[in-house]
Protein backbone atom coordinates (compact mmCIF):
# COMPACT_ATOMS: atom_id res chain seq x y z
CA MET A 1 151.33 91.02 66.91
CA SER A 2 150.48 87.88 68.86
CA PHE A 3 153.07 85.27 69.73
CA PRO A 4 153.02 82.44 67.12
CA PRO A 5 151.83 79.13 68.64
CA LEU A 6 155.20 77.47 68.11
CA PHE A 7 156.81 80.03 70.41
CA HIS A 8 154.42 79.39 73.30
CA SER A 9 155.97 78.21 76.51
CA LEU A 10 155.98 74.42 76.77
CA SER A 11 154.02 74.73 80.02
CA THR A 12 151.06 76.22 78.14
CA LEU A 13 150.70 73.27 75.79
CA LYS A 14 148.22 70.83 77.28
CA LEU A 15 147.36 67.59 75.50
CA SER A 16 144.51 65.37 76.65
CA ASP A 17 145.35 61.93 78.05
CA LYS A 18 143.35 60.34 75.24
CA THR A 19 145.34 62.20 72.59
CA VAL A 20 148.67 61.29 74.18
CA PHE A 21 147.71 57.64 74.68
CA PHE A 22 146.54 57.11 71.09
CA ARG A 23 149.54 58.94 69.68
CA ILE A 24 151.85 56.58 71.56
CA LEU A 25 149.95 53.57 70.23
CA LYS A 26 149.71 54.86 66.66
CA GLU A 27 153.15 56.39 66.18
CA TYR A 28 155.40 54.29 68.41
CA VAL A 29 153.69 50.96 69.20
CA TRP A 30 151.80 50.10 66.01
CA PRO A 31 155.01 49.70 63.91
CA TYR A 32 155.99 46.90 66.34
CA ARG A 33 152.58 45.22 66.46
CA CYS A 34 154.08 41.83 65.46
CA GLN A 35 156.35 41.89 68.51
CA VAL A 36 153.42 42.95 70.71
CA ILE A 37 151.31 40.04 69.39
CA LEU A 38 154.17 37.61 70.03
CA ALA A 39 154.53 39.03 73.54
CA PHE A 40 150.82 38.41 74.23
CA LEU A 41 151.16 34.84 72.93
CA CYS A 42 154.01 34.37 75.40
CA MET A 43 151.75 35.79 78.13
CA LEU A 44 149.16 33.16 77.22
CA MET A 45 151.84 30.47 77.55
CA PHE A 46 152.79 31.79 80.98
CA SER A 47 149.19 32.11 82.18
CA GLY A 48 148.16 28.75 80.75
CA ALA A 49 151.03 27.03 82.57
CA LEU A 50 150.08 28.84 85.79
CA THR A 51 146.49 27.64 85.45
CA ILE A 52 147.61 24.05 84.81
CA LEU A 53 149.68 24.14 88.01
CA ALA A 54 146.60 25.25 89.96
CA LYS A 55 144.48 22.53 88.36
CA LEU A 56 147.13 19.88 89.19
CA MET A 57 146.48 20.53 92.89
CA GLU A 58 143.27 18.51 92.57
CA PRO A 59 144.90 15.15 91.51
CA ILE A 60 147.85 15.80 93.85
CA ILE A 61 145.51 16.01 96.87
CA ASN A 62 142.90 13.45 95.79
CA ASP A 63 144.99 10.83 93.99
CA ILE A 64 148.38 11.03 95.72
CA PHE A 65 147.74 12.22 99.29
CA ILE A 66 144.27 10.75 99.85
CA GLN A 67 144.09 7.74 97.46
CA LYS A 68 147.88 7.11 97.72
CA ASP A 69 148.00 6.10 94.02
CA GLU A 70 151.69 5.63 93.19
CA THR A 71 151.00 5.25 89.47
CA LYS A 72 150.06 8.94 89.26
CA LEU A 73 153.36 10.19 90.74
CA ILE A 74 155.43 10.10 87.54
CA GLY A 75 152.69 11.47 85.30
CA ILE A 76 151.86 14.42 87.60
CA SER A 77 155.58 15.14 88.16
CA VAL A 78 156.19 15.26 84.41
CA LEU A 79 153.19 17.60 83.97
CA ILE A 80 154.47 19.90 86.74
CA PHE A 81 157.96 19.99 85.20
CA GLY A 82 156.52 20.68 81.74
CA ALA A 83 154.29 23.44 83.11
CA PHE A 84 157.27 25.17 84.73
CA ILE A 85 159.30 24.97 81.49
CA VAL A 86 156.42 26.49 79.49
CA LYS A 87 155.94 29.13 82.19
CA GLY A 88 159.63 30.06 82.09
CA LEU A 89 159.72 30.22 78.28
CA GLY A 90 156.58 32.34 78.24
CA LEU A 91 158.03 34.74 80.80
CA TYR A 92 161.30 35.02 78.84
CA GLY A 93 159.51 35.60 75.52
CA GLU A 94 157.18 38.19 77.02
CA ASN A 95 160.12 40.10 78.59
CA TYR A 96 162.15 39.86 75.37
CA PHE A 97 159.48 41.15 73.01
CA MET A 98 158.05 43.82 75.32
CA ASN A 99 161.47 45.23 76.14
CA TYR A 100 162.28 45.19 72.43
CA VAL A 101 159.22 47.36 71.84
CA SER A 102 159.72 49.64 74.86
CA LEU A 103 163.41 50.28 74.12
CA HIS A 104 162.55 51.10 70.51
CA LEU A 105 159.87 53.44 71.86
CA VAL A 106 162.51 55.33 73.89
CA MET A 107 164.98 55.37 71.00
CA ASN A 108 162.44 56.62 68.46
CA ILE A 109 161.00 59.30 70.74
CA GLN A 110 164.46 60.59 71.64
CA LYS A 111 165.38 60.70 67.95
CA LYS A 112 162.15 62.59 67.23
CA ILE A 113 162.84 65.03 70.08
CA TYR A 114 166.36 65.67 68.80
CA ASP A 115 165.10 66.13 65.26
CA THR A 116 162.36 68.49 66.48
CA LEU A 117 164.79 70.58 68.51
CA LEU A 118 167.29 70.82 65.66
CA LYS A 119 164.56 72.22 63.40
CA THR A 120 163.11 74.56 66.01
CA ASP A 121 163.75 78.28 65.70
CA LEU A 122 166.46 80.05 67.66
CA VAL A 123 163.92 82.03 69.70
CA PHE A 124 162.59 78.78 71.18
CA PHE A 125 165.95 78.04 72.82
CA GLN A 126 166.15 81.58 74.13
CA ASN A 127 162.85 81.09 75.93
CA HIS A 128 163.42 77.60 77.36
CA PRO A 129 166.20 76.45 79.72
CA THR A 130 168.54 73.80 78.32
CA GLY A 131 168.12 71.71 81.47
CA ASP A 132 164.35 71.48 80.96
CA LEU A 133 164.78 70.23 77.40
CA ILE A 134 167.39 67.67 78.49
CA SER A 135 165.16 66.48 81.32
CA ARG A 136 162.22 65.96 78.96
CA ALA A 137 164.39 64.06 76.49
CA ILE A 138 165.95 61.77 79.12
CA ASN A 139 164.03 61.62 82.42
CA ASP A 140 160.51 61.91 81.02
CA VAL A 141 161.15 59.48 78.17
CA SER A 142 162.65 56.95 80.61
CA MET A 143 159.59 57.25 82.84
CA MET A 144 157.42 56.69 79.77
CA ARG A 145 159.36 53.52 78.98
CA ASN A 146 158.99 52.16 82.51
CA SER A 147 155.27 52.90 82.59
CA PHE A 148 154.73 51.54 79.10
CA THR A 149 156.60 48.32 79.86
CA PHE A 150 154.60 47.74 83.04
CA ALA A 151 151.27 48.82 81.56
CA LEU A 152 151.49 46.64 78.45
CA SER A 153 153.72 43.84 79.64
CA GLY A 154 152.83 43.60 83.30
CA ALA A 155 149.16 44.46 82.90
CA GLY A 156 148.79 42.18 79.90
CA LYS A 157 150.41 39.26 81.68
CA HIS A 158 148.45 39.84 84.88
CA VAL A 159 145.12 40.25 83.08
CA VAL A 160 145.63 37.04 81.10
CA SER A 161 146.71 35.20 84.25
CA VAL A 162 143.68 36.41 86.22
CA VAL A 163 141.31 35.49 83.37
CA CYS A 164 142.74 31.97 83.03
CA LEU A 165 142.68 31.39 86.79
CA VAL A 166 139.16 32.81 87.15
CA ILE A 167 137.95 30.44 84.40
CA LEU A 168 139.41 27.55 86.40
CA MET A 169 137.74 28.86 89.58
CA PHE A 170 134.34 29.07 87.86
CA TYR A 171 134.91 25.60 86.46
CA GLN A 172 135.55 24.26 89.96
CA ASP A 173 132.71 26.13 91.72
CA TRP A 174 130.95 29.11 90.13
CA VAL A 175 129.14 30.05 93.36
CA LEU A 176 132.37 30.14 95.35
CA ALA A 177 134.03 32.11 92.51
CA CYS A 178 131.28 34.76 92.60
CA ILE A 179 131.58 35.02 96.39
CA SER A 180 135.38 35.39 96.10
CA PHE A 181 135.27 38.46 93.89
CA PHE A 182 132.31 40.39 95.25
CA ALA A 183 134.53 42.72 97.32
CA PHE A 184 137.08 43.68 94.65
CA PRO A 185 134.94 46.15 92.60
CA SER A 186 134.75 48.36 95.69
CA ALA A 187 138.51 49.00 95.30
CA PHE A 188 138.13 50.75 91.92
CA TYR A 189 137.04 54.17 93.23
CA PRO A 190 139.84 54.73 95.79
CA ILE A 191 142.46 53.40 93.34
CA ILE A 192 141.31 55.85 90.64
CA ARG A 193 141.41 58.71 93.16
CA LEU A 194 144.91 57.70 94.20
CA GLY A 195 145.94 57.64 90.53
CA LYS A 196 144.88 61.26 90.04
CA ARG A 197 146.79 62.29 93.15
CA LEU A 198 149.83 60.39 91.88
CA ARG A 199 149.57 62.10 88.47
CA LYS A 200 149.76 65.56 90.04
CA ALA A 201 152.70 64.61 92.29
CA THR A 202 154.57 63.06 89.35
CA THR A 203 154.08 66.13 87.16
CA ASN A 204 155.40 68.39 89.92
CA ALA A 205 158.36 66.09 90.52
CA GLN A 206 159.28 66.08 86.81
CA GLN A 207 159.13 69.87 86.71
CA ASP A 208 161.42 70.04 89.74
CA ILE A 209 163.84 67.58 88.12
CA SER A 210 163.91 69.85 85.05
CA ALA A 211 164.74 72.80 87.32
CA LEU A 212 167.52 70.76 88.94
CA THR A 213 168.96 69.79 85.56
CA SER A 214 168.91 73.46 84.48
CA LEU A 215 170.65 74.52 87.69
CA LEU A 216 173.37 71.87 87.35
CA THR A 217 173.95 72.84 83.70
CA GLN A 218 174.34 76.51 84.59
CA VAL A 219 176.57 75.90 87.61
CA PHE A 220 178.89 73.46 85.83
CA GLN A 221 179.24 75.81 82.85
CA GLY A 222 179.93 78.74 85.16
CA ILE A 223 182.02 76.87 87.73
CA ARG A 224 184.92 79.35 87.42
CA LEU A 225 182.62 82.23 88.34
CA VAL A 226 181.13 80.25 91.23
CA LYS A 227 184.57 79.61 92.69
CA ALA A 228 185.89 83.09 91.95
CA TYR A 229 183.04 84.75 93.84
CA GLY A 230 182.96 82.16 96.62
CA MET A 231 179.35 81.21 95.87
CA GLU A 232 179.66 77.50 96.69
CA CYS A 233 177.40 77.78 99.76
CA TYR A 234 174.83 79.80 97.84
CA GLU A 235 174.68 77.22 95.04
CA LYS A 236 174.58 74.42 97.60
CA ASN A 237 171.52 76.04 99.22
CA ARG A 238 169.84 76.52 95.83
CA LEU A 239 170.31 72.85 95.01
CA GLY A 240 169.14 71.88 98.49
CA THR A 241 165.88 73.81 98.06
CA ILE A 242 165.11 72.12 94.74
CA SER A 243 166.12 68.70 96.10
CA GLU A 244 163.73 69.12 99.03
CA GLU A 245 160.90 69.94 96.61
CA ILE A 246 161.74 66.83 94.58
CA PHE A 247 161.74 64.73 97.77
CA LYS A 248 158.36 66.16 98.81
CA HIS A 249 156.68 65.40 95.48
CA VAL A 250 158.33 62.00 94.95
CA PHE A 251 157.42 60.98 98.51
CA LYS A 252 153.81 62.01 97.81
CA SER A 253 153.77 59.75 94.76
CA VAL A 254 155.28 56.89 96.81
CA GLN A 255 152.57 57.38 99.45
CA SER A 256 149.84 57.36 96.81
CA ARG A 257 151.24 54.21 95.24
CA ALA A 258 151.66 52.46 98.61
CA LEU A 259 148.07 53.20 99.70
CA SER A 260 146.74 50.72 97.14
CA SER A 261 148.44 47.86 99.01
CA PRO A 262 146.41 47.99 102.28
CA ILE A 263 143.22 48.31 100.21
CA MET A 264 143.99 45.17 98.19
CA GLU A 265 145.35 43.26 101.20
CA THR A 266 142.17 43.94 103.19
CA LEU A 267 139.88 42.91 100.34
CA GLY A 268 142.02 39.84 99.65
CA GLY A 269 141.83 38.79 103.30
CA ILE A 270 138.02 39.14 103.28
CA ALA A 271 137.74 37.07 100.11
CA ILE A 272 139.96 34.27 101.44
CA ILE A 273 138.10 34.12 104.80
CA ILE A 274 134.80 33.71 102.95
CA VAL A 275 136.24 31.03 100.65
CA VAL A 276 137.75 29.06 103.55
CA PHE A 277 134.56 29.31 105.59
CA TYR A 278 132.17 28.40 102.76
CA GLY A 279 134.41 25.93 100.90
CA GLY A 280 135.60 24.26 104.10
CA SER A 281 131.97 23.72 105.12
CA GLN A 282 131.29 21.99 101.78
CA VAL A 283 134.32 19.69 102.18
CA ILE A 284 133.28 18.78 105.73
CA ALA A 285 129.72 18.10 104.53
CA GLY A 286 131.05 15.91 101.69
CA GLY A 287 129.75 18.18 98.94
CA LYS A 288 133.22 18.86 97.55
CA SER A 289 136.42 16.87 97.43
CA PRO A 290 139.48 18.20 99.26
CA GLY A 291 141.41 18.18 95.97
CA ALA A 292 138.84 20.37 94.18
CA PHE A 293 138.79 22.80 97.11
CA PHE A 294 142.60 23.02 97.27
CA SER A 295 142.72 23.50 93.49
CA PHE A 296 140.21 26.36 93.88
CA ILE A 297 142.06 28.00 96.77
CA THR A 298 145.38 27.66 94.87
CA ALA A 299 143.85 29.37 91.83
CA LEU A 300 142.48 32.14 94.09
CA LEU A 301 145.84 32.71 95.78
CA LEU A 302 147.64 32.71 92.42
CA ALA A 303 145.08 35.18 91.02
CA TYR A 304 145.37 37.41 94.08
CA GLU A 305 148.99 38.42 93.34
CA PRO A 306 148.37 39.67 89.77
CA LEU A 307 145.19 41.37 91.02
CA LYS A 308 147.30 43.31 93.52
CA LYS A 309 149.71 44.31 90.78
CA LEU A 310 146.84 45.30 88.52
CA SER A 311 145.77 47.76 91.20
CA GLN A 312 149.07 49.57 90.53
CA VAL A 313 148.51 49.74 86.78
CA ASN A 314 146.52 52.95 87.06
CA SER A 315 149.34 54.49 89.10
CA ASN A 316 151.89 53.52 86.46
CA ILE A 317 149.69 54.76 83.66
CA GLN A 318 149.22 58.11 85.43
CA GLU A 319 152.98 58.46 85.90
CA GLY A 320 153.56 57.59 82.27
CA LEU A 321 150.89 60.01 81.02
CA ALA A 322 152.34 62.81 83.16
CA ALA A 323 155.75 62.25 81.55
CA ALA A 324 154.26 61.70 78.07
CA SER A 325 152.34 64.99 78.25
CA ARG A 326 155.63 66.86 78.79
CA VAL A 327 157.35 64.90 76.01
CA PHE A 328 154.57 65.38 73.45
CA ALA A 329 154.29 69.08 74.32
CA LEU A 330 157.91 69.28 73.16
CA LEU A 331 157.17 67.25 70.02
CA GLU A 332 154.34 69.67 69.20
CA MET A 333 156.89 72.44 68.65
CA LYS A 334 156.90 73.44 64.99
CA PRO A 335 159.40 75.85 63.44
CA PHE A 336 158.01 79.16 62.25
CA ILE A 337 160.90 79.85 59.88
CA VAL A 338 160.46 77.17 57.20
CA ASP A 339 160.81 76.80 53.45
CA LYS A 340 157.99 78.04 51.24
CA LYS A 341 156.31 75.34 49.15
CA ASP A 342 157.84 76.75 45.97
CA ALA A 343 161.18 77.75 47.49
CA GLN A 344 164.11 77.65 45.08
CA VAL A 345 167.40 75.91 45.72
CA LEU A 346 170.08 78.57 45.78
CA GLY A 347 173.27 77.65 43.97
CA LYS A 348 176.68 79.09 44.81
CA ILE A 349 176.11 82.84 45.02
CA LYS A 350 178.34 85.66 43.80
CA GLY A 351 177.85 87.47 47.10
CA SER A 352 175.70 90.54 46.53
CA LEU A 353 173.45 91.45 49.46
CA THR A 354 170.67 94.03 49.77
CA PHE A 355 168.61 95.22 52.74
CA GLU A 356 165.43 97.00 51.63
CA ASN A 357 163.70 99.03 54.35
CA VAL A 358 164.21 96.24 56.89
CA SER A 359 162.68 96.52 60.36
CA PHE A 360 162.71 93.95 63.15
CA SER A 361 161.72 93.71 66.80
CA TYR A 362 162.09 90.89 69.29
CA LEU A 363 159.26 89.11 71.08
CA ASN A 364 158.52 89.35 74.80
CA ARG A 365 157.92 86.18 76.80
CA ASP A 366 154.17 86.86 76.79
CA GLY A 367 154.09 86.84 72.98
CA THR A 368 153.82 90.57 72.35
CA ARG A 369 156.24 92.54 70.23
CA ARG A 370 158.60 94.86 72.02
CA GLU A 371 157.72 98.49 71.52
CA THR A 372 161.31 99.43 70.66
CA GLU A 373 162.50 98.04 67.33
CA ALA A 374 165.90 96.36 67.30
CA LEU A 375 166.32 97.50 63.68
CA SER A 376 164.41 100.24 61.91
CA ASN A 377 164.29 101.02 58.16
CA ILE A 378 167.69 99.53 57.30
CA ASP A 379 168.73 100.11 53.67
CA PHE A 380 172.06 99.22 52.06
CA THR A 381 173.59 97.17 49.26
CA VAL A 382 176.81 95.14 49.30
CA SER A 383 178.57 94.19 46.06
CA PRO A 384 180.32 90.82 45.67
CA GLY A 385 183.72 90.72 47.34
CA GLU A 386 183.22 93.89 49.40
CA THR A 387 183.96 94.16 53.10
CA ILE A 388 181.28 96.01 55.03
CA ALA A 389 181.64 96.84 58.72
CA PHE A 390 179.00 97.68 61.32
CA VAL A 391 179.91 99.62 64.44
CA GLY A 392 178.00 101.30 67.22
CA PRO A 393 177.28 101.21 70.94
CA SER A 394 176.13 97.99 72.63
CA GLY A 395 172.49 97.22 71.86
CA SER A 396 172.46 99.22 68.63
CA GLY A 397 171.41 96.18 66.54
CA LYS A 398 174.69 95.09 64.95
CA SER A 399 174.49 91.37 65.82
CA THR A 400 170.74 91.35 65.18
CA LEU A 401 171.42 92.55 61.64
CA LEU A 402 173.82 89.66 61.01
CA ASN A 403 171.35 87.14 62.49
CA LEU A 404 168.73 88.11 59.90
CA ILE A 405 170.96 87.03 56.98
CA PRO A 406 170.96 83.24 57.74
CA ARG A 407 167.28 83.64 58.73
CA PHE A 408 167.78 82.90 62.39
CA TYR A 409 164.94 85.43 62.59
CA ASP A 410 162.60 86.78 59.92
CA VAL A 411 162.15 90.48 59.28
CA ASP A 412 158.93 92.22 60.34
CA ASN A 413 158.98 94.63 57.41
CA GLY A 414 161.02 94.99 54.25
CA ARG A 415 163.10 92.25 52.69
CA ILE A 416 166.64 90.97 52.33
CA LEU A 417 168.00 89.93 48.92
CA VAL A 418 171.01 87.78 48.14
CA ASP A 419 172.05 87.83 44.46
CA GLY A 420 168.60 89.28 43.77
CA PHE A 421 166.69 86.48 45.53
CA ASP A 422 164.49 87.24 48.53
CA LEU A 423 165.72 85.12 51.43
CA LYS A 424 162.16 83.85 51.97
CA ASP A 425 162.04 82.54 48.38
CA VAL A 426 165.01 80.17 48.72
CA THR A 427 165.48 77.05 50.82
CA LEU A 428 167.09 77.46 54.22
CA SER A 429 169.65 74.72 53.60
CA SER A 430 170.85 76.19 50.29
CA LEU A 431 171.01 79.70 51.80
CA ARG A 432 173.07 78.59 54.80
CA LYS A 433 175.45 76.58 52.62
CA ASN A 434 176.55 79.92 51.19
CA ILE A 435 177.27 81.44 54.60
CA ALA A 436 180.18 81.06 57.01
CA LEU A 437 179.82 82.43 60.54
CA VAL A 438 182.54 83.36 63.03
CA THR A 439 181.41 84.80 66.37
CA GLN A 440 182.97 86.13 69.54
CA GLU A 441 181.62 83.17 71.51
CA VAL A 442 183.29 80.23 69.80
CA THR A 443 181.38 76.96 69.81
CA LEU A 444 183.56 73.86 69.92
CA PHE A 445 182.30 70.36 70.59
CA ASP A 446 183.89 67.89 72.99
CA ASP A 447 185.60 66.11 70.13
CA THR A 448 188.92 66.15 68.31
CA VAL A 449 190.48 69.19 66.67
CA LEU A 450 189.98 67.42 63.34
CA ALA A 451 186.25 66.85 63.90
CA ASN A 452 185.69 70.45 65.00
CA ILE A 453 187.29 71.85 61.85
CA GLU A 454 185.56 69.27 59.64
CA TYR A 455 182.23 70.58 60.98
CA GLY A 456 182.54 73.29 58.33
CA LYS A 457 182.45 70.76 55.50
CA GLU A 458 181.27 67.25 56.16
CA GLY A 459 183.44 64.63 54.48
CA ALA A 460 186.40 66.97 53.86
CA SER A 461 189.73 65.27 53.26
CA PHE A 462 192.55 65.51 55.79
CA GLU A 463 194.59 67.56 53.32
CA GLU A 464 191.76 70.11 53.00
CA ILE A 465 191.49 70.36 56.80
CA VAL A 466 195.24 70.89 57.20
CA GLU A 467 195.23 73.56 54.47
CA ALA A 468 192.37 75.39 56.21
CA ALA A 469 194.23 75.19 59.53
CA LYS A 470 197.39 76.62 57.95
CA SER A 471 195.45 79.52 56.42
CA ALA A 472 193.91 80.18 59.85
CA ALA A 473 197.37 80.21 61.51
CA ALA A 474 196.28 77.20 63.55
CA HIS A 475 198.38 74.36 62.13
CA ASP A 476 201.52 75.10 64.18
CA PHE A 477 199.81 75.12 67.59
CA ILE A 478 197.71 72.07 66.60
CA MET A 479 200.90 70.10 65.91
CA GLU A 480 202.19 71.06 69.36
CA LEU A 481 199.15 69.50 71.03
CA PRO A 482 199.64 66.03 72.62
CA GLU A 483 197.89 64.17 69.78
CA GLY A 484 197.89 66.80 67.06
CA TYR A 485 194.67 66.85 65.06
CA GLN A 486 193.33 63.93 67.13
CA THR A 487 193.55 65.88 70.42
CA LEU A 488 190.28 66.21 72.29
CA VAL A 489 189.52 69.89 72.94
CA GLY A 490 187.12 69.38 75.87
CA GLU A 491 183.65 70.82 76.31
CA GLN A 492 183.47 74.21 74.55
CA GLY A 493 187.19 73.87 73.83
CA ILE A 494 188.13 74.37 77.47
CA LYS A 495 191.57 72.81 76.91
CA LEU A 496 192.52 75.56 74.46
CA SER A 497 193.21 79.28 74.87
CA GLY A 498 190.81 81.90 73.57
CA GLY A 499 192.99 82.67 70.56
CA GLN A 500 193.39 78.98 69.72
CA ARG A 501 189.65 78.41 69.90
CA GLN A 502 189.03 81.38 67.62
CA ARG A 503 191.57 80.18 65.05
CA LEU A 504 189.88 76.76 64.94
CA SER A 505 186.61 78.57 64.33
CA ILE A 506 188.23 80.49 61.45
CA ALA A 507 189.70 77.26 60.03
CA ARG A 508 186.20 75.78 60.10
CA ALA A 509 184.88 78.81 58.17
CA LEU A 510 187.76 78.59 55.67
CA LEU A 511 187.01 74.93 55.07
CA ARG A 512 183.38 75.81 54.37
CA ASN A 513 184.58 78.12 51.59
CA ALA A 514 181.30 80.05 51.56
CA PRO A 515 181.02 83.22 49.44
CA LEU A 516 179.28 85.17 52.23
CA LEU A 517 181.16 85.66 55.49
CA LEU A 518 179.66 86.96 58.74
CA LEU A 519 182.10 88.05 61.47
CA ASP A 520 180.47 88.99 64.76
CA GLU A 521 183.09 90.65 67.01
CA ALA A 522 185.49 87.81 66.26
CA THR A 523 188.46 89.47 68.02
CA SER A 524 186.87 91.55 70.79
CA ALA A 525 187.59 89.05 73.59
CA LEU A 526 191.27 88.48 72.71
CA ASP A 527 194.48 90.01 74.00
CA ASN A 528 196.69 92.00 71.62
CA GLN A 529 199.00 89.12 70.70
CA SER A 530 196.13 86.71 70.07
CA GLU A 531 194.26 89.44 68.17
CA ARG A 532 197.17 89.92 65.76
CA GLN A 533 197.32 86.19 65.05
CA VAL A 534 193.56 85.92 64.62
CA GLN A 535 193.38 89.10 62.51
CA LYS A 536 195.96 87.64 60.13
CA ALA A 537 193.82 84.50 59.85
CA LEU A 538 190.71 86.64 59.29
CA ASN A 539 192.42 88.54 56.50
CA ASN A 540 193.06 85.23 54.73
CA LEU A 541 189.45 84.22 55.35
CA MET A 542 188.03 87.48 53.92
CA LYS A 543 189.89 87.30 50.60
CA ASN A 544 187.54 87.10 47.60
CA ARG A 545 184.48 86.94 49.83
CA THR A 546 181.65 89.29 50.65
CA SER A 547 182.30 90.00 54.31
CA LEU A 548 180.03 91.64 56.85
CA VAL A 549 181.93 92.50 60.00
CA VAL A 550 180.60 93.56 63.40
CA ALA A 551 183.53 95.09 65.23
CA HIS A 552 184.11 96.46 68.69
CA ARG A 553 187.74 97.36 68.08
CA LEU A 554 187.59 99.97 65.33
CA SER A 555 191.26 99.49 64.49
CA THR A 556 190.37 96.16 62.90
CA ILE A 557 187.97 97.59 60.29
CA GLN A 558 189.87 100.63 58.99
CA LYS A 559 190.36 98.96 55.59
CA ALA A 560 186.66 98.10 55.13
CA ASP A 561 185.13 99.27 51.85
CA LEU A 562 182.24 100.83 53.76
CA ILE A 563 181.42 101.31 57.42
CA PHE A 564 177.88 101.70 58.77
CA VAL A 565 177.35 103.29 62.18
CA LEU A 566 174.24 102.05 64.02
CA HIS A 567 172.53 103.72 66.93
CA GLN A 568 169.24 102.54 68.49
CA GLY A 569 168.58 100.27 65.52
CA LYS A 570 169.11 102.89 62.82
CA ILE A 571 171.96 103.67 60.43
CA ILE A 572 173.05 107.18 61.35
CA GLU A 573 176.38 107.36 59.49
CA LYS A 574 178.11 105.57 56.63
CA GLY A 575 181.36 105.96 54.78
CA THR A 576 185.00 104.93 54.78
CA HIS A 577 187.15 105.15 57.88
CA SER A 578 188.76 108.43 56.85
CA ALA A 579 185.46 109.98 55.74
CA LEU A 580 183.75 109.11 59.01
CA LEU A 581 186.62 110.53 61.04
CA ALA A 582 186.38 113.73 59.02
CA ALA A 583 182.63 113.91 59.65
CA LYS A 584 183.33 114.10 63.41
CA GLY A 585 180.18 112.18 64.29
CA LEU A 586 179.53 109.18 66.52
CA TYR A 587 182.14 107.05 64.72
CA ALA A 588 184.85 109.64 65.31
CA GLU A 589 183.79 109.88 68.96
CA LEU A 590 183.98 106.09 69.41
CA TYR A 591 187.32 105.93 67.63
CA HIS A 592 188.95 108.66 69.71
CA MET A 593 187.61 107.12 72.94
CA GLN A 594 189.22 103.78 72.04
CA PHE A 595 192.43 105.48 70.95
CA LEU A 596 192.58 107.35 74.26
CA GLU A 597 191.96 104.11 76.23
CA GLU A 598 194.75 102.35 74.34
CA GLU A 599 197.16 105.22 74.98
CA ILE A 600 196.36 105.15 78.71
CA LEU A 601 197.01 101.40 78.80
CA LYS A 602 200.32 101.81 76.96
CA ASN A 603 201.45 104.53 79.39
CA LYS A 604 200.54 102.35 82.37
CA LYS A 605 202.63 99.51 80.96
């Protein structure tokens, strides 16, 4: 079976520049068209005032300096002051409105990215480094904002300024204006070539920044291991290698951007030499007044600066498009596991569960199915309120089986029924509302104890949270914390012990009060004392619920109503604890091995 398009690597999704550009305009700029229009009106104010200042050079030279007409001093001074006020207001308005639009662009895209990632299937996160996703959501979106602001705001302002000043130049002397600009079209070709080079360097730099973000995320999360194995120098060298690659690509982009300056400076120098030579000759010959010539040369010099900046627009656009391509590739991700059009909303279930000839295999990175099935022809039925345990060697498919119930993955063959409903025929949200999950690897957010427990039931009262904590044997240790329920637990609950983290996870599941409970090796990573406390909390949690338990320590599931033994994705034994021991199969072998290990440990102590 081929890899569904939504599971393709982000690097394989290529969107054309035209598609990206028009999507930005349509989806993120068009809703703020009023602000964009107001920004362009402010640009006109700015450019109009700039043109008036250039035009005022003519009466300043002719009437004040040559004719020495004192009556014009006040009037021209007032006009100059007014032009600067209008120019300042225009610049403020343009910055205000364009930044309003660009900041909303960043905010809306980041919201869309977050929403897209939250809806994306679990397999997507398994195939893409967290650092790359974070880099796209932050670094690439910020680069988009900078490029967008300059391209629309800067380019718009500079274009309007150049147009207004060029009109004045043609008004003063159309022949001289034509001569002034004959050289500038020759700059287009090298600037476009430089833009393409910049685009490639920017794309490579962004990829390297993603790699750096991924490395930092991994190292900071595994900092204890780094220190324990003395790998600081190794990690330092890894970061140094990536940093050097970033420097190389960023420096290439800086070089490409800087090369436009000597091109424009050279062409500008040629244009000004021609204007001075030709215009000066006309003034000397009496064909043009000094004031008109100075007004023309002022307009040319004022137009030259925005022309230089316009030469960088292509570079900014290429940088922005490189970042936007990576961002929109992420936004193209669509979940494969979605609700059917006629999916039913599942009410509170009784808790019966049936697997009918279920088979499942994982996907390789290249999109092909693995030859070995993770689960093969699984059949069983669980009645409401029963406790069912799954045991077996590592890699036998126990956790995979649990992951199919909330539809983290969809089965390849067969079907799973809950209260008689096929999982694919009910909505995901209503299905998952009926499920509580407790795993070996506890997930706690860098928030308060209260907020982490409340995650199981949004809007729960404080009394409900305390009751859940008491049932999970967590209330007493919570009250011993510096700020009780308002204590911050740190990232992944680093400020708490393993047993404390697990009991908060159980309290969260208790608060959810779901009829179907999934326990995935919830006590395997705990010491004996912590295990006893957590097991007591689990017993409270499992009361009056259908519970499916994946267990490593077989002593914890001896009271299960039924135990299934998995091996290489197949159920090879089933029965109660005593029946399986009597059968002297794989379960009995695993049990006696653990019993022997525990006896050895006791004797050592």
